[in-house]
């Protein structure tokens, strides 16, 4: 597996643990429909909101902050995938789109930033 894939897998494990500690229930990891994917699908601790979490992991944020990699195209693809997930699972709860960034690697203590309600895919053309 390529190094960036290993880093991404490690980042998603860190993200799942972070969300668990915050009381979230993880429903899916790396959920796919066609070529679109959602890194984590979770329920908030009060079980009222389905959260679609995009995880961005970087070894450093010197060149570009990880959240900057969530561009219009990525947001649009997440929105399309989330719509499919909601329809397939007949979800009738609030929806939220978050970004969780992780800077570091397996040899460091990761720096985690959790951006709740980071974007609305309905506003991306």
PDB file of N, CA and C in Angstrom:
ATOM      1  N   UNK A   1       0.843  -1.177   0.000  1.00  0.00           N
ATOM      2  CA  UNK A   1       0.000   0.000   0.000  1.00  0.00           C
ATOM      3  C   UNK A   1       0.889   1.242   0.000  1.00  0.00           C
ATOM      4  N   UNK A   2       0.507   2.251  -0.750  1.00  0.00           N
ATOM      5  CA  UNK A   2       1.293   3.481  -0.833  1.00  0.00           C
ATOM      6  C   UNK A   2       1.293   4.198   0.513  1.00  0.00           C
ATOM      7  N   UNK A   3       2.361   4.974   0.761  1.00  0.00           N
ATOM      8  CA  UNK A   3       2.517   5.668   2.044  1.00  0.00           C
ATOM      9  C   UNK A   3       1.338   6.597   2.338  1.00  0.00           C
ATOM     10  N   UNK A   4       0.836   7.301   1.306  1.00  0.00           N
ATOM     11  CA  UNK A   4      -0.287   8.222   1.552  1.00  0.00           C
ATOM     12  C   UNK A   4      -1.558   7.449   1.920  1.00  0.00           C
ATOM     13  N   UNK A   5      -1.731   6.228   1.400  1.00  0.00           N
ATOM     14  CA  UNK A   5      -2.873   5.398   1.785  1.00  0.00           C
ATOM     15  C   UNK A   5      -2.752   4.952   3.238  1.00  0.00           C
ATOM     16  N   UNK A   6      -1.531   4.583   3.661  1.00  0.00           N
ATOM     17  CA  UNK A   6      -1.294   4.210   5.058  1.00  0.00           C
ATOM     18  C   UNK A   6      -1.597   5.384   5.978  1.00  0.00           C
ATOM     19  N   UNK A   7      -1.151   6.571   5.588  1.00  0.00           N
ATOM     20  CA  UNK A   7      -1.388   7.773   6.388  1.00  0.00           C
ATOM     21  C   UNK A   7      -2.890   8.043   6.491  1.00  0.00           C
ATOM     22  N   UNK A   8      -3.595   7.922   5.390  1.00  0.00           N
ATOM     23  CA  UNK A   8      -5.036   8.151   5.388  1.00  0.00           C
ATOM     24  C   UNK A   8      -5.774   7.157   6.264  1.00  0.00           C
ATOM     25  N   UNK A   9      -5.381   5.888   6.208  1.00  0.00           N
ATOM     26  CA  UNK A   9      -6.005   4.847   7.040  1.00  0.00           C
ATOM     27  C   UNK A   9      -5.750   5.130   8.511  1.00  0.00           C
ATOM     28  N   UNK A  10      -4.518   5.505   8.835  1.00  0.00           N
ATOM     29  CA  UNK A  10      -4.172   5.865  10.207  1.00  0.00           C
ATOM     30  C   UNK A  10      -5.014   7.049  10.664  1.00  0.00           C
ATOM     31  N   UNK A  11      -5.151   8.056   9.806  1.00  0.00           N
ATOM     32  CA  UNK A  11      -5.947   9.234  10.141  1.00  0.00           C
ATOM     33  C   UNK A  11      -7.403   8.895  10.408  1.00  0.00           C
ATOM     34  N   UNK A  12      -7.962   8.007   9.604  1.00  0.00           N
ATOM     35  CA  UNK A  12      -9.357   7.621   9.815  1.00  0.00           C
ATOM     36  C   UNK A  12      -9.530   6.859  11.130  1.00  0.00           C
ATOM     37  N   UNK A  13      -8.550   6.060  11.515  1.00  0.00           N
ATOM     38  CA  UNK A  13      -8.612   5.367  12.804  1.00  0.00           C
ATOM     39  C   UNK A  13      -8.573   6.378  13.954  1.00  0.00           C
ATOM     40  N   UNK A  14      -7.707   7.372  13.843  1.00  0.00           N
ATOM     41  CA  UNK A  14      -7.632   8.438  14.850  1.00  0.00           C
ATOM     42  C   UNK A  14      -8.976   9.165  14.923  1.00  0.00           C
ATOM     43  N   UNK A  15      -9.559   9.460  13.759  1.00  0.00           N
ATOM     44  CA  UNK A  15     -10.837  10.175  13.701  1.00  0.00           C
ATOM     45  C   UNK A  15     -11.953   9.368  14.356  1.00  0.00           C
ATOM     46  N   UNK A  16     -12.027   8.079  14.075  1.00  0.00           N
ATOM     47  CA  UNK A  16     -13.055   7.221  14.677  1.00  0.00           C
ATOM     48  C   UNK A  16     -12.912   7.219  16.199  1.00  0.00           C
ATOM     49  N   UNK A  17     -11.686   7.074  16.691  1.00  0.00           N
ATOM     50  CA  UNK A  17     -11.449   7.085  18.144  1.00  0.00           C
ATOM     51  C   UNK A  17     -11.842   8.428  18.752  1.00  0.00           C
ATOM     52  N   UNK A  18     -11.513   9.510  18.075  1.00  0.00           N
ATOM     53  CA  UNK A  18     -11.857  10.855  18.539  1.00  0.00           C
ATOM     54  C   UNK A  18     -13.375  10.998  18.659  1.00  0.00           C
ATOM     55  N   UNK A  19     -14.097  10.575  17.622  1.00  0.00           N
ATOM     56  CA  UNK A  19     -15.551  10.699  17.625  1.00  0.00           C
ATOM     57  C   UNK A  19     -16.187   9.795  18.693  1.00  0.00           C
ATOM     58  N   UNK A  20     -15.665   8.585  18.856  1.00  0.00           N
ATOM     59  CA  UNK A  20     -16.158   7.693  19.910  1.00  0.00           C
ATOM     60  C   UNK A  20     -16.043   8.355  21.284  1.00  0.00           C
ATOM     61  N   UNK A  21     -14.879   8.963  21.546  1.00  0.00           N
ATOM     62  CA  UNK A  21     -14.659   9.625  22.840  1.00  0.00           C
ATOM     63  C   UNK A  21     -15.625  10.785  23.057  1.00  0.00           C
ATOM     64  N   UNK A  22     -16.087  11.392  21.972  1.00  0.00           N
ATOM     65  CA  UNK A  22     -17.054  12.494  22.062  1.00  0.00           C
ATOM     66  C   UNK A  22     -18.492  11.982  22.167  1.00  0.00           C
ATOM     67  N   UNK A  23     -18.684  10.663  22.111  1.00  0.00           N
ATOM     68  CA  UNK A  23     -20.006  10.096  22.270  1.00  0.00           C
ATOM     69  C   UNK A  23     -20.751   9.788  20.979  1.00  0.00           C
ATOM     70  N   UNK A  24     -20.092   9.943  19.839  1.00  0.00           N
ATOM     71  CA  UNK A  24     -20.720   9.649  18.555  1.00  0.00           C
ATOM     72  C   UNK A  24     -20.819   8.134  18.354  1.00  0.00           C
ATOM     73  N   UNK A  25     -21.846   7.717  17.634  1.00  0.00           N
ATOM     74  CA  UNK A  25     -21.998   6.331  17.228  1.00  0.00           C
ATOM     75  C   UNK A  25     -21.594   6.238  15.761  1.00  0.00           C
ATOM     76  N   UNK A  26     -20.623   5.409  15.472  1.00  0.00           N
ATOM     77  CA  UNK A  26     -20.139   5.261  14.093  1.00  0.00           C
ATOM     78  C   UNK A  26     -21.045   4.273  13.368  1.00  0.00           C
ATOM     79  N   UNK A  27     -21.622   4.728  12.269  1.00  0.00           N
ATOM     80  CA  UNK A  27     -22.483   3.845  11.463  1.00  0.00           C
ATOM     81  C   UNK A  27     -21.712   3.206  10.318  1.00  0.00           C
ATOM     82  N   UNK A  28     -20.840   3.987   9.692  1.00  0.00           N
ATOM     83  CA  UNK A  28     -20.093   3.490   8.525  1.00  0.00           C
ATOM     84  C   UNK A  28     -18.718   4.151   8.491  1.00  0.00           C
ATOM     85  N   UNK A  29     -17.756   3.424   7.953  1.00  0.00           N
ATOM     86  CA  UNK A  29     -16.436   3.980   7.632  1.00  0.00           C
ATOM     87  C   UNK A  29     -16.151   3.668   6.174  1.00  0.00           C
ATOM     88  N   UNK A  30     -15.651   4.663   5.471  1.00  0.00           N
ATOM     89  CA  UNK A  30     -15.292   4.511   4.060  1.00  0.00           C
ATOM     90  C   UNK A  30     -16.466   3.967   3.236  1.00  0.00           C
ATOM     91  N   UNK A  31     -17.625   4.588   3.397  1.00  0.00           N
ATOM     92  CA  UNK A  31     -18.826   4.176   2.668  1.00  0.00           C
ATOM     93  C   UNK A  31     -18.725   4.658   1.224  1.00  0.00           C
ATOM     94  N   UNK A  32     -19.026   3.785   0.283  1.00  0.00           N
ATOM     95  CA  UNK A  32     -18.869   4.104  -1.140  1.00  0.00           C
ATOM     96  C   UNK A  32     -20.148   3.854  -1.918  1.00  0.00           C
ATOM     97  N   UNK A  33     -20.322   4.716  -2.921  1.00  0.00           N
ATOM     98  CA  UNK A  33     -21.322   4.481  -3.947  1.00  0.00           C
ATOM     99  C   UNK A  33     -20.678   4.934  -5.256  1.00  0.00           C
ATOM    100  N   UNK A  34     -20.460   3.987  -6.141  1.00  0.00           N
ATOM    101  CA  UNK A  34     -19.721   4.303  -7.367  1.00  0.00           C
ATOM    102  C   UNK A  34     -18.317   4.751  -7.015  1.00  0.00           C
ATOM    103  N   UNK A  35     -17.882   5.870  -7.590  1.00  0.00           N
ATOM    104  CA  UNK A  35     -16.542   6.376  -7.303  1.00  0.00           C
ATOM    105  C   UNK A  35     -16.547   7.438  -6.207  1.00  0.00           C
ATOM    106  N   UNK A  36     -17.703   7.657  -5.580  1.00  0.00           N
ATOM    107  CA  UNK A  36     -17.810   8.644  -4.501  1.00  0.00           C
ATOM    108  C   UNK A  36     -17.755   7.918  -3.150  1.00  0.00           C
ATOM    109  N   UNK A  37     -17.187   8.614  -2.166  1.00  0.00           N
ATOM    110  CA  UNK A  37     -17.106   7.995  -0.851  1.00  0.00           C
ATOM    111  C   UNK A  37     -17.310   9.022   0.254  1.00  0.00           C
ATOM    112  N   UNK A  38     -17.665   8.502   1.412  1.00  0.00           N
ATOM    113  CA  UNK A  38     -17.767   9.301   2.634  1.00  0.00           C
ATOM    114  C   UNK A  38     -16.892   8.600   3.661  1.00  0.00           C
ATOM    115  N   UNK A  39     -15.973   9.349   4.265  1.00  0.00           N
ATOM    116  CA  UNK A  39     -15.009   8.741   5.181  1.00  0.00           C
ATOM    117  C   UNK A  39     -15.687   8.129   6.403  1.00  0.00           C
ATOM    118  N   UNK A  40     -16.521   8.918   7.089  1.00  0.00           N
ATOM    119  CA  UNK A  40     -17.202   8.424   8.293  1.00  0.00           C
ATOM    120  C   UNK A  40     -18.639   8.937   8.283  1.00  0.00           C
ATOM    121  N   UNK A  41     -19.547   8.045   8.613  1.00  0.00           N
ATOM    122  CA  UNK A  41     -20.944   8.425   8.821  1.00  0.00           C
ATOM    123  C   UNK A  41     -21.255   8.066  10.262  1.00  0.00           C
ATOM    124  N   UNK A  42     -21.707   9.059  11.028  1.00  0.00           N
ATOM    125  CA  UNK A  42     -21.919   8.857  12.463  1.00  0.00           C
ATOM    126  C   UNK A  42     -23.226   9.496  12.914  1.00  0.00           C
ATOM    127  N   UNK A  43     -23.647   9.109  14.099  1.00  0.00           N
ATOM    128  CA  UNK A  43     -24.784   9.736  14.766  1.00  0.00           C
ATOM    129  C   UNK A  43     -24.263  10.556  15.938  1.00  0.00           C
ATOM    130  N   UNK A  44     -24.830  11.737  16.132  1.00  0.00           N
ATOM    131  CA  UNK A  44     -24.451  12.567  17.269  1.00  0.00           C
ATOM    132  C   UNK A  44     -24.835  11.861  18.566  1.00  0.00           C
ATOM    133  N   UNK A  45     -24.242  12.265  19.677  1.00  0.00           N
ATOM    134  CA  UNK A  45     -24.562  11.614  20.953  1.00  0.00           C
ATOM    135  C   UNK A  45     -26.058  11.613  21.295  1.00  0.00           C
ATOM    136  N   UNK A  46     -26.801  12.633  20.871  1.00  0.00           N
ATOM    137  CA  UNK A  46     -28.240  12.671  21.152  1.00  0.00           C
ATOM    138  C   UNK A  46     -29.062  11.873  20.135  1.00  0.00           C
ATOM    139  N   UNK A  47     -28.395  11.268  19.160  1.00  0.00           N
ATOM    140  CA  UNK A  47     -29.015  10.416  18.132  1.00  0.00           C
ATOM    141  C   UNK A  47     -30.012  11.169  17.245  1.00  0.00           C
ATOM    142  N   UNK A  48     -29.886  12.470  17.151  1.00  0.00           N
ATOM    143  CA  UNK A  48     -30.819  13.273  16.359  1.00  0.00           C
ATOM    144  C   UNK A  48     -30.262  13.704  15.008  1.00  0.00           C
ATOM    145  N   UNK A  49     -28.957  13.551  14.819  1.00  0.00           N
ATOM    146  CA  UNK A  49     -28.319  14.065  13.608  1.00  0.00           C
ATOM    147  C   UNK A  49     -27.364  13.031  13.025  1.00  0.00           C
ATOM    148  N   UNK A  50     -27.471  12.829  11.714  1.00  0.00           N
ATOM    149  CA  UNK A  50     -26.496  12.017  10.991  1.00  0.00           C
ATOM    150  C   UNK A  50     -25.406  12.962  10.514  1.00  0.00           C
ATOM    151  N   UNK A  51     -24.165  12.610  10.818  1.00  0.00           N
ATOM    152  CA  UNK A  51     -23.028  13.461  10.485  1.00  0.00           C
ATOM    153  C   UNK A  51     -22.163  12.742   9.454  1.00  0.00           C
ATOM    154  N   UNK A  52     -21.908  13.433   8.354  1.00  0.00           N
ATOM    155  CA  UNK A  52     -21.014  12.946   7.310  1.00  0.00           C
ATOM    156  C   UNK A  52     -19.680  13.651   7.531  1.00  0.00           C
ATOM    157  N   UNK A  53     -18.657  12.876   7.854  1.00  0.00           N
ATOM    158  CA  UNK A  53     -17.370  13.450   8.244  1.00  0.00           C
ATOM    159  C   UNK A  53     -16.327  13.181   7.163  1.00  0.00           C
ATOM    160  N   UNK A  54     -15.739  14.248   6.661  1.00  0.00           N
ATOM    161  CA  UNK A  54     -14.607  14.150   5.740  1.00  0.00           C
ATOM    162  C   UNK A  54     -13.338  14.269   6.575  1.00  0.00           C
ATOM    163  N   UNK A  55     -12.462  13.263   6.478  1.00  0.00           N
ATOM    164  CA  UNK A  55     -11.220  13.244   7.244  1.00  0.00           C
ATOM    165  C   UNK A  55     -10.064  13.609   6.318  1.00  0.00           C
ATOM    166  N   UNK A  56      -9.274  14.575   6.734  1.00  0.00           N
ATOM    167  CA  UNK A  56      -8.087  14.973   5.983  1.00  0.00           C
ATOM    168  C   UNK A  56      -6.877  14.841   6.889  1.00  0.00           C
ATOM    169  N   UNK A  57      -5.927  14.035   6.463  1.00  0.00           N
ATOM    170  CA  UNK A  57      -4.727  13.778   7.250  1.00  0.00           C
ATOM    171  C   UNK A  57      -3.505  14.252   6.476  1.00  0.00           C
ATOM    172  N   UNK A  58      -2.634  14.959   7.150  1.00  0.00           N
ATOM    173  CA  UNK A  58      -1.389  15.453   6.563  1.00  0.00           C
ATOM    174  C   UNK A  58      -0.259  15.265   7.571  1.00  0.00           C
ATOM    175  N   UNK A  59       0.938  15.080   7.076  1.00  0.00           N
ATOM    176  CA  UNK A  59       2.086  14.999   7.985  1.00  0.00           C
ATOM    177  C   UNK A  59       2.500  16.388   8.453  1.00  0.00           C
ATOM    178  N   UNK A  60       2.130  17.403   7.681  1.00  0.00           N
ATOM    179  CA  UNK A  60       2.477  18.776   8.013  1.00  0.00           C
ATOM    180  C   UNK A  60       1.434  19.704   7.401  1.00  0.00           C
ATOM    181  N   UNK A  61       1.259  20.863   8.001  1.00  0.00           N
ATOM    182  CA  UNK A  61       0.356  21.845   7.403  1.00  0.00           C
ATOM    183  C   UNK A  61       1.129  23.059   6.892  1.00  0.00           C
ATOM    184  N   UNK A  62       2.430  22.869   6.619  1.00  0.00           N
ATOM    185  CA  UNK A  62       3.261  23.971   6.159  1.00  0.00           C
ATOM    186  C   UNK A  62       2.882  24.441   4.758  1.00  0.00           C
ATOM    187  N   UNK A  63       2.582  23.526   3.864  1.00  0.00           N
ATOM    188  CA  UNK A  63       2.260  23.892   2.487  1.00  0.00           C
ATOM    189  C   UNK A  63       0.808  24.345   2.379  1.00  0.00           C
ATOM    190  N   UNK A  64      -0.102  23.544   2.943  1.00  0.00           N
ATOM    191  CA  UNK A  64      -1.528  23.835   2.843  1.00  0.00           C
ATOM    192  C   UNK A  64      -2.256  23.167   4.001  1.00  0.00           C
ATOM    193  N   UNK A  65      -3.165  23.885   4.610  1.00  0.00           N
ATOM    194  CA  UNK A  65      -3.952  23.314   5.705  1.00  0.00           C
ATOM    195  C   UNK A  65      -4.809  22.173   5.165  1.00  0.00           C
ATOM    196  N   UNK A  66      -4.965  21.101   5.923  1.00  0.00           N
ATOM    197  CA  UNK A  66      -5.704  19.940   5.421  1.00  0.00           C
ATOM    198  C   UNK A  66      -7.129  20.266   4.976  1.00  0.00           C
ATOM    199  N   UNK A  67      -7.816  21.140   5.699  1.00  0.00           N
ATOM    200  CA  UNK A  67      -9.204  21.457   5.345  1.00  0.00           C
ATOM    201  C   UNK A  67      -9.327  22.164   3.992  1.00  0.00           C
ATOM    202  N   UNK A  68      -8.238  22.739   3.510  1.00  0.00           N
ATOM    203  CA  UNK A  68      -8.266  23.395   2.201  1.00  0.00           C
ATOM    204  C   UNK A  68      -8.386  22.387   1.062  1.00  0.00           C
ATOM    205  N   UNK A  69      -8.140  21.119   1.352  1.00  0.00           N
ATOM    206  CA  UNK A  69      -8.276  20.077   0.335  1.00  0.00           C
ATOM    207  C   UNK A  69      -9.739  19.696   0.105  1.00  0.00           C
ATOM    208  N   UNK A  70     -10.630  20.204   0.937  1.00  0.00           N
ATOM    209  CA  UNK A  70     -12.067  19.954   0.750  1.00  0.00           C
ATOM    210  C   UNK A  70     -12.594  21.078  -0.133  1.00  0.00           C
ATOM    211  N   UNK A  71     -12.439  20.873  -1.441  1.00  0.00           N
ATOM    212  CA  UNK A  71     -12.811  21.898  -2.417  1.00  0.00           C
ATOM    213  C   UNK A  71     -14.242  21.688  -2.906  1.00  0.00           C
ATOM    214  N   UNK A  72     -14.682  22.535  -3.826  1.00  0.00           N
ATOM    215  CA  UNK A  72     -16.051  22.476  -4.346  1.00  0.00           C
ATOM    216  C   UNK A  72     -16.379  21.109  -4.947  1.00  0.00           C
ATOM    217  N   UNK A  73     -15.450  20.543  -5.676  1.00  0.00           N
ATOM    218  CA  UNK A  73     -15.692  19.233  -6.297  1.00  0.00           C
ATOM    219  C   UNK A  73     -15.888  18.152  -5.240  1.00  0.00           C
ATOM    220  N   UNK A  74     -15.034  18.162  -4.213  1.00  0.00           N
ATOM    221  CA  UNK A  74     -15.136  17.181  -3.135  1.00  0.00           C
ATOM    222  C   UNK A  74     -16.454  17.354  -2.388  1.00  0.00           C
ATOM    223  N   UNK A  75     -16.820  18.598  -2.093  1.00  0.00           N
ATOM    224  CA  UNK A  75     -18.077  18.875  -1.394  1.00  0.00           C
ATOM    225  C   UNK A  75     -19.263  18.376  -2.213  1.00  0.00           C
ATOM    226  N   UNK A  76     -19.240  18.615  -3.502  1.00  0.00           N
ATOM    227  CA  UNK A  76     -20.325  18.171  -4.386  1.00  0.00           C
ATOM    228  C   UNK A  76     -20.431  16.641  -4.367  1.00  0.00           C
ATOM    229  N   UNK A  77     -19.297  15.955  -4.452  1.00  0.00           N
ATOM    230  CA  UNK A  77     -19.297  14.489  -4.430  1.00  0.00           C
ATOM    231  C   UNK A  77     -19.793  13.936  -3.091  1.00  0.00           C
ATOM    232  N   UNK A  78     -19.406  14.567  -1.996  1.00  0.00           N
ATOM    233  CA  UNK A  78     -19.892  14.143  -0.681  1.00  0.00           C
ATOM    234  C   UNK A  78     -21.408  14.339  -0.611  1.00  0.00           C
ATOM    235  N   UNK A  79     -21.895  15.462  -1.127  1.00  0.00           N
ATOM    236  CA  UNK A  79     -23.326  15.720  -1.131  1.00  0.00           C
ATOM    237  C   UNK A  79     -24.107  14.685  -1.921  1.00  0.00           C
ATOM    238  N   UNK A  80     -23.586  14.311  -3.076  1.00  0.00           N
ATOM    239  CA  UNK A  80     -24.247  13.286  -3.913  1.00  0.00           C
ATOM    240  C   UNK A  80     -24.248  11.942  -3.192  1.00  0.00           C
ATOM    241  N   UNK A  81     -23.119  11.572  -2.601  1.00  0.00           N
ATOM    242  CA  UNK A  81     -23.030  10.303  -1.873  1.00  0.00           C
ATOM    243  C   UNK A  81     -23.946  10.312  -0.647  1.00  0.00           C
ATOM    244  N   UNK A  82     -23.969  11.426   0.083  1.00  0.00           N
ATOM    245  CA  UNK A  82     -24.830  11.530   1.268  1.00  0.00           C
ATOM    246  C   UNK A  82     -26.295  11.412   0.879  1.00  0.00           C
ATOM    247  N   UNK A  83     -26.674  12.034  -0.219  1.00  0.00           N
ATOM    248  CA  UNK A  83     -28.053  11.939  -0.701  1.00  0.00           C
ATOM    249  C   UNK A  83     -28.422  10.481  -0.987  1.00  0.00           C
ATOM    250  N   UNK A  84     -27.521   9.763  -1.622  1.00  0.00           N
ATOM    251  CA  UNK A  84     -27.765   8.349  -1.914  1.00  0.00           C
ATOM    252  C   UNK A  84     -27.887   7.553  -0.616  1.00  0.00           C
ATOM    253  N   UNK A  85     -27.016   7.827   0.346  1.00  0.00           N
ATOM    254  CA  UNK A  85     -27.051   7.118   1.627  1.00  0.00           C
ATOM    255  C   UNK A  85     -28.370   7.363   2.352  1.00  0.00           C
ATOM    256  N   UNK A  86     -28.806   8.607   2.379  1.00  0.00           N
ATOM    257  CA  UNK A  86     -30.058   8.975   3.048  1.00  0.00           C
ATOM    258  C   UNK A  86     -31.238   8.252   2.398  1.00  0.00           C
ATOM    259  N   UNK A  87     -31.271   8.227   1.076  1.00  0.00           N
ATOM    260  CA  UNK A  87     -32.375   7.559   0.372  1.00  0.00           C
ATOM    261  C   UNK A  87     -32.338   6.048   0.571  1.00  0.00           C
ATOM    262  N   UNK A  88     -31.154   5.454   0.475  1.00  0.00           N
ATOM    263  CA  UNK A  88     -31.023   4.002   0.615  1.00  0.00           C
ATOM    264  C   UNK A  88     -31.416   3.520   2.009  1.00  0.00           C
ATOM    265  N   UNK A  89     -31.131   4.350   3.019  1.00  0.00           N
ATOM    266  CA  UNK A  89     -31.371   3.957   4.405  1.00  0.00           C
ATOM    267  C   UNK A  89     -32.606   4.624   5.012  1.00  0.00           C
ATOM    268  N   UNK A  90     -33.358   5.331   4.156  1.00  0.00           N
ATOM    269  CA  UNK A  90     -34.600   5.992   4.595  1.00  0.00           C
ATOM    270  C   UNK A  90     -34.382   6.814   5.875  1.00  0.00           C
ATOM    271  N   UNK A  91     -33.350   7.638   5.850  1.00  0.00           N
ATOM    272  CA  UNK A  91     -32.985   8.482   6.992  1.00  0.00           C
ATOM    273  C   UNK A  91     -33.966   9.661   7.088  1.00  0.00           C
ATOM    274  N   UNK A  92     -34.479   9.885   8.280  1.00  0.00           N
ATOM    275  CA  UNK A  92     -35.381  11.014   8.514  1.00  0.00           C
ATOM    276  C   UNK A  92     -34.897  11.783   9.746  1.00  0.00           C
ATOM    277  N   UNK A  93     -33.625  12.145   9.733  1.00  0.00           N
ATOM    278  CA  UNK A  93     -32.997  12.891  10.816  1.00  0.00           C
ATOM    279  C   UNK A  93     -32.333  14.134  10.235  1.00  0.00           C
ATOM    280  N   UNK A  94     -31.890  15.010  11.102  1.00  0.00           N
ATOM    281  CA  UNK A  94     -31.103  16.155  10.665  1.00  0.00           C
ATOM    282  C   UNK A  94     -29.797  15.639  10.052  1.00  0.00           C
ATOM    283  N   UNK A  95     -29.234  16.414   9.127  1.00  0.00           N
ATOM    284  CA  UNK A  95     -27.964  16.062   8.495  1.00  0.00           C
ATOM    285  C   UNK A  95     -26.953  17.164   8.756  1.00  0.00           C
ATOM    286  N   UNK A  96     -25.696  16.775   8.892  1.00  0.00           N
ATOM    287  CA  UNK A  96     -24.628  17.750   9.087  1.00  0.00           C
ATOM    288  C   UNK A  96     -23.375  17.242   8.385  1.00  0.00           C
ATOM    289  N   UNK A  97     -22.584  18.182   7.897  1.00  0.00           N
ATOM    290  CA  UNK A  97     -21.358  17.862   7.173  1.00  0.00           C
ATOM    291  C   UNK A  97     -20.180  18.495   7.907  1.00  0.00           C
ATOM    292  N   UNK A  98     -19.288  17.649   8.408  1.00  0.00           N
ATOM    293  CA  UNK A  98     -18.147  18.094   9.201  1.00  0.00           C
ATOM    294  C   UNK A  98     -16.840  17.740   8.509  1.00  0.00           C
ATOM    295  N   UNK A  99     -15.777  18.412   8.928  1.00  0.00           N
ATOM    296  CA  UNK A  99     -14.425  18.088   8.478  1.00  0.00           C
ATOM    297  C   UNK A  99     -13.578  17.880   9.728  1.00  0.00           C
ATOM    298  N   UNK A 100     -12.840  16.784   9.745  1.00  0.00           N
ATOM    299  CA  UNK A 100     -11.930  16.495  10.840  1.00  0.00           C
ATOM    300  C   UNK A 100     -10.534  16.424  10.250  1.00  0.00           C
ATOM    301  N   UNK A 101      -9.652  17.293  10.725  1.00  0.00           N
ATOM    302  CA  UNK A 101      -8.285  17.307  10.199  1.00  0.00           C
ATOM    303  C   UNK A 101      -7.317  16.758  11.236  1.00  0.00           C
ATOM    304  N   UNK A 102      -6.317  16.075  10.718  1.00  0.00           N
ATOM    305  CA  UNK A 102      -5.288  15.482  11.562  1.00  0.00           C
ATOM    306  C   UNK A 102      -3.945  15.835  10.940  1.00  0.00           C
ATOM    307  N   UNK A 103      -3.080  16.422  11.755  1.00  0.00           N
ATOM    308  CA  UNK A 103      -1.728  16.737  11.296  1.00  0.00           C
ATOM    309  C   UNK A 103      -0.762  15.966  12.179  1.00  0.00           C
ATOM    310  N   UNK A 104       0.084  15.169  11.542  1.00  0.00           N
ATOM    311  CA  UNK A 104       1.057  14.364  12.255  1.00  0.00           C
ATOM    312  C   UNK A 104       1.233  13.038  11.554  1.00  0.00           C
ATOM    313  N   UNK A 105       1.885  12.116  12.235  1.00  0.00           N
ATOM    314  CA  UNK A 105       2.019  10.758  11.717  1.00  0.00           C
ATOM    315  C   UNK A 105       2.089   9.798  12.890  1.00  0.00           C
ATOM    316  N   UNK A 106       2.317   8.528  12.587  1.00  0.00           N
ATOM    317  CA  UNK A 106       2.284   7.502  13.625  1.00  0.00           C
ATOM    318  C   UNK A 106       3.346   7.697  14.697  1.00  0.00           C
ATOM    319  N   UNK A 107       4.364   8.520  14.426  1.00  0.00           N
ATOM    320  CA  UNK A 107       5.432   8.765  15.392  1.00  0.00           C
ATOM    321  C   UNK A 107       5.192   9.999  16.244  1.00  0.00           C
ATOM    322  N   UNK A 108       4.121  10.730  15.978  1.00  0.00           N
ATOM    323  CA  UNK A 108       3.813  11.967  16.687  1.00  0.00           C
ATOM    324  C   UNK A 108       2.491  11.841  17.430  1.00  0.00           C
ATOM    325  N   UNK A 109       2.270  12.782  18.319  1.00  0.00           N
ATOM    326  CA  UNK A 109       0.933  12.960  18.877  1.00  0.00           C
ATOM    327  C   UNK A 109       0.193  13.821  17.866  1.00  0.00           C
ATOM    328  N   UNK A 110      -0.900  13.315  17.287  1.00  0.00           N
ATOM    329  CA  UNK A 110      -1.578  14.062  16.229  1.00  0.00           C
ATOM    330  C   UNK A 110      -2.269  15.324  16.754  1.00  0.00           C
ATOM    331  N   UNK A 111      -2.285  16.330  15.906  1.00  0.00           N
ATOM    332  CA  UNK A 111      -3.035  17.554  16.188  1.00  0.00           C
ATOM    333  C   UNK A 111      -4.354  17.417  15.448  1.00  0.00           C
ATOM    334  N   UNK A 112      -5.444  17.417  16.208  1.00  0.00           N
ATOM    335  CA  UNK A 112      -6.775  17.197  15.640  1.00  0.00           C
ATOM    336  C   UNK A 112      -7.576  18.484  15.718  1.00  0.00           C
ATOM    337  N   UNK A 113      -8.238  18.813  14.610  1.00  0.00           N
ATOM    338  CA  UNK A 113      -9.169  19.932  14.591  1.00  0.00           C
ATOM    339  C   UNK A 113     -10.482  19.418  14.016  1.00  0.00           C
ATOM    340  N   UNK A 114     -11.559  19.667  14.742  1.00  0.00           N
ATOM    341  CA  UNK A 114     -12.877  19.191  14.330  1.00  0.00           C
ATOM    342  C   UNK A 114     -13.751  20.383  13.983  1.00  0.00           C
ATOM    343  N   UNK A 115     -14.129  20.473  12.705  1.00  0.00           N
ATOM    344  CA  UNK A 115     -14.934  21.585  12.218  1.00  0.00           C
ATOM    345  C   UNK A 115     -16.369  21.101  12.009  1.00  0.00           C
ATOM    346  N   UNK A 116     -17.223  21.368  12.989  1.00  0.00           N
ATOM    347  CA  UNK A 116     -18.621  20.967  12.888  1.00  0.00           C
ATOM    348  C   UNK A 116     -19.348  21.889  11.921  1.00  0.00           C
ATOM    349  N   UNK A 117     -20.271  21.310  11.173  1.00  0.00           N
ATOM    350  CA  UNK A 117     -21.080  22.073  10.217  1.00  0.00           C
ATOM    351  C   UNK A 117     -20.172  22.884   9.282  1.00  0.00           C
ATOM    352  N   UNK A 118     -19.149  22.211   8.760  1.00  0.00           N
ATOM    353  CA  UNK A 118     -18.097  22.866   7.971  1.00  0.00           C
ATOM    354  C   UNK A 118     -18.575  23.354   6.608  1.00  0.00           C
ATOM    355  N   UNK A 119     -19.565  22.666   6.039  1.00  0.00           N
ATOM    356  CA  UNK A 119     -20.052  23.077   4.716  1.00  0.00           C
ATOM    357  C   UNK A 119     -21.464  22.564   4.502  1.00  0.00           C
ATOM    358  N   UNK A 120     -22.111  23.148   3.507  1.00  0.00           N
ATOM    359  CA  UNK A 120     -23.446  22.727   3.074  1.00  0.00           C
ATOM    360  C   UNK A 120     -23.349  22.409   1.582  1.00  0.00           C
ATOM    361  N   UNK A 121     -23.455  21.127   1.211  1.00  0.00           N
ATOM    362  CA  UNK A 121     -23.295  20.788  -0.206  1.00  0.00           C
ATOM    363  C   UNK A 121     -24.396  21.389  -1.091  1.00  0.00           C
ATOM    364  N   UNK A 122     -25.502  21.806  -0.516  1.00  0.00           N
ATOM    365  CA  UNK A 122     -26.572  22.417  -1.294  1.00  0.00           C
ATOM    366  C   UNK A 122     -26.174  23.799  -1.821  1.00  0.00           C
ATOM    367  N   UNK A 123     -25.137  24.389  -1.219  1.00  0.00           N
ATOM    368  CA  UNK A 123     -24.701  25.721  -1.623  1.00  0.00           C
ATOM    369  C   UNK A 123     -23.585  25.702  -2.654  1.00  0.00           C
ATOM    370  N   UNK A 124     -23.139  24.510  -3.028  1.00  0.00           N
ATOM    371  CA  UNK A 124     -22.059  24.375  -4.024  1.00  0.00           C
ATOM    372  C   UNK A 124     -22.693  24.081  -5.378  1.00  0.00           C
ATOM    373  N   UNK A 125     -22.306  24.813  -6.351  1.00  0.00           N
ATOM    374  CA  UNK A 125     -22.897  24.653  -7.691  1.00  0.00           C
ATOM    375  C   UNK A 125     -22.088  23.672  -8.487  1.00  0.00           C
TER     376      UNK A 125
END
